[in-house]
Amino acid sequence: VQLVESGGGLVQAGGSLRLSCFASTQTFSSYDMGWFRQAPGKKREFVAAINWSGGRTLYADSVKGRFTISRDNRKDTVFLQMDSLKPGDTGVYYCAATTGATRLANDYDYWGQGTQVTVSS
């Protein structure tokens, strides 16, 4: 499974971005998907996850109410809508695939290369 993220960029605090992650696989709907982020000098942290059908989602407390994860199984793509962005949201955002969505990076089997999100104050 190859994952390719897009949609990152520079945005002012309070603004919005929508990240996309396209999966090169014919079995996308069999995977749960997650988004993680890593700021400079910090460990990779969980952001959000969605199960294979889109019927169950998980969020980190720091983004709950501001970020929304969704997926389109017809297009083999998972999205992360990020609103009310804060400078603390700055980092490289990675999407990942697993057969059982959790908040733990070690539980994910496939990773994208990441996309940079920078939020200016």
Protein backbone atom coordinates (compact mmCIF):
# COMPACT_ATOMS: atom_id res chain seq x y z
CA VAL A 1 0.00 0.00 0.00
CA GLN A 2 1.44 3.35 -1.02
CA LEU A 3 0.08 6.49 0.60
CA VAL A 4 0.53 9.99 -0.79
CA GLU A 5 -0.49 13.06 1.20
CA SER A 6 -1.28 16.48 -0.23
CA GLY A 7 -2.85 19.75 0.82
CA GLY A 8 -0.33 21.08 3.31
CA GLY A 9 0.88 24.64 3.29
CA LEU A 10 1.24 27.90 5.19
CA VAL A 11 -1.84 29.39 6.83
CA GLN A 12 -2.52 32.05 9.42
CA ALA A 13 -3.87 31.18 12.83
CA GLY A 14 -7.63 30.74 12.67
CA GLY A 15 -7.49 29.55 9.10
CA SER A 16 -8.30 26.19 7.53
CA LEU A 17 -6.61 23.51 5.46
CA ARG A 18 -7.83 20.23 4.02
CA LEU A 19 -5.35 17.38 3.77
CA SER A 20 -5.86 14.45 1.42
CA CYS A 21 -4.22 11.04 1.37
CA PHE A 22 -4.55 8.82 -1.68
CA ALA A 23 -3.93 5.10 -1.25
CA SER A 24 -2.58 2.99 -4.10
CA THR A 25 -4.37 -0.23 -3.31
CA GLN A 26 -7.40 -2.10 -4.56
CA THR A 27 -8.36 -2.97 -0.99
CA PHE A 28 -8.55 0.53 0.51
CA SER A 29 -11.93 -0.16 2.10
CA SER A 30 -10.41 -2.95 4.16
CA TYR A 31 -8.08 -0.57 6.01
CA ASP A 32 -8.65 1.73 8.91
CA MET A 33 -6.81 5.02 8.41
CA GLY A 34 -5.11 7.47 10.70
CA TRP A 35 -3.46 10.88 10.67
CA PHE A 36 -0.41 11.66 12.80
CA ARG A 37 1.79 14.73 13.05
CA GLN A 38 5.32 15.50 14.12
CA ALA A 39 6.63 18.89 15.15
CA PRO A 40 10.37 19.67 15.12
CA GLY A 41 12.08 18.08 18.10
CA LYS A 42 8.95 16.24 19.20
CA LYS A 43 7.65 12.71 18.92
CA ARG A 44 5.09 11.75 16.32
CA GLU A 45 1.63 12.13 17.82
CA PHE A 46 -1.81 10.82 17.01
CA VAL A 47 -4.29 13.25 15.46
CA ALA A 48 -7.30 11.30 14.20
CA ALA A 49 -8.40 7.91 12.90
CA ILE A 50 -11.33 6.47 11.00
CA ASN A 51 -12.47 2.90 10.57
CA TRP A 52 -12.90 1.16 7.22
CA SER A 53 -16.53 2.19 6.73
CA GLY A 54 -16.23 5.71 8.08
CA GLY A 55 -18.69 4.90 10.82
CA ARG A 56 -16.26 5.30 13.70
CA THR A 57 -13.75 8.05 14.35
CA LEU A 58 -11.17 8.86 17.02
CA TYR A 59 -9.59 12.23 17.77
CA ALA A 60 -6.81 13.54 19.94
CA ASP A 61 -8.16 15.85 22.63
CA SER A 62 -6.05 18.68 21.23
CA VAL A 63 -7.92 18.69 17.90
CA LYS A 64 -11.40 17.55 18.91
CA GLY A 65 -14.00 20.00 17.66
CA ARG A 66 -11.58 21.61 15.19
CA PHE A 67 -10.48 18.74 12.91
CA THR A 68 -12.66 16.28 11.01
CA ILE A 69 -11.49 13.04 9.46
CA SER A 70 -13.45 11.46 6.63
CA ARG A 71 -12.94 9.05 3.76
CA ASP A 72 -14.20 8.28 0.28
CA ASN A 73 -13.77 4.59 -0.45
CA ARG A 74 -14.76 5.10 -4.11
CA LYS A 75 -11.73 7.36 -4.52
CA ASP A 76 -9.35 5.48 -2.17
CA THR A 77 -8.80 8.71 -0.26
CA VAL A 78 -8.90 9.85 3.35
CA PHE A 79 -9.24 13.50 4.32
CA LEU A 80 -8.43 15.68 7.29
CA GLN A 81 -10.33 18.96 7.45
CA MET A 82 -8.52 21.30 9.81
CA ASP A 83 -10.32 24.43 11.04
CA SER A 84 -9.45 27.07 13.62
CA LEU A 85 -5.79 26.25 13.19
CA LYS A 86 -3.32 27.24 15.87
CA PRO A 87 0.48 27.69 15.74
CA GLY A 88 0.72 24.53 17.87
CA ASP A 89 -0.74 22.55 14.97
CA THR A 90 2.43 23.15 12.96
CA GLY A 91 4.23 20.00 11.87
CA VAL A 92 4.56 17.32 9.25
CA TYR A 93 1.30 15.45 8.87
CA TYR A 94 1.36 11.77 7.95
CA CYS A 95 -1.42 9.44 6.97
CA ALA A 96 -1.17 5.77 7.83
CA ALA A 97 -3.06 2.54 7.24
CA THR A 98 -3.85 -0.31 9.59
CA THR A 99 -6.24 -3.19 10.01
CA GLY A 100 -7.25 -1.98 13.46
CA ALA A 101 -7.31 1.76 14.13
CA THR A 102 -5.75 2.89 17.38
CA ARG A 103 -3.97 5.97 18.71
CA LEU A 104 -0.61 4.17 18.60
CA ALA A 105 1.75 4.76 15.69
CA ASN A 106 3.27 1.30 16.11
CA ASP A 107 -0.07 -0.29 15.22
CA TYR A 108 -0.01 1.19 11.71
CA ASP A 109 1.55 -0.79 8.89
CA TYR A 110 1.86 1.70 6.03
CA TRP A 111 2.86 5.36 6.04
CA GLY A 112 2.94 8.23 3.62
CA GLN A 113 5.87 10.60 3.17
CA GLY A 114 4.15 13.46 4.99
CA THR A 115 3.00 16.96 4.12
CA GLN A 116 4.11 20.13 5.91
CA VAL A 117 1.57 22.28 7.70
CA THR A 118 2.74 25.63 9.07
CA VAL A 119 0.43 27.89 11.06
CA SER A 120 1.67 31.42 11.61
CA SER A 121 0.57 33.58 14.53
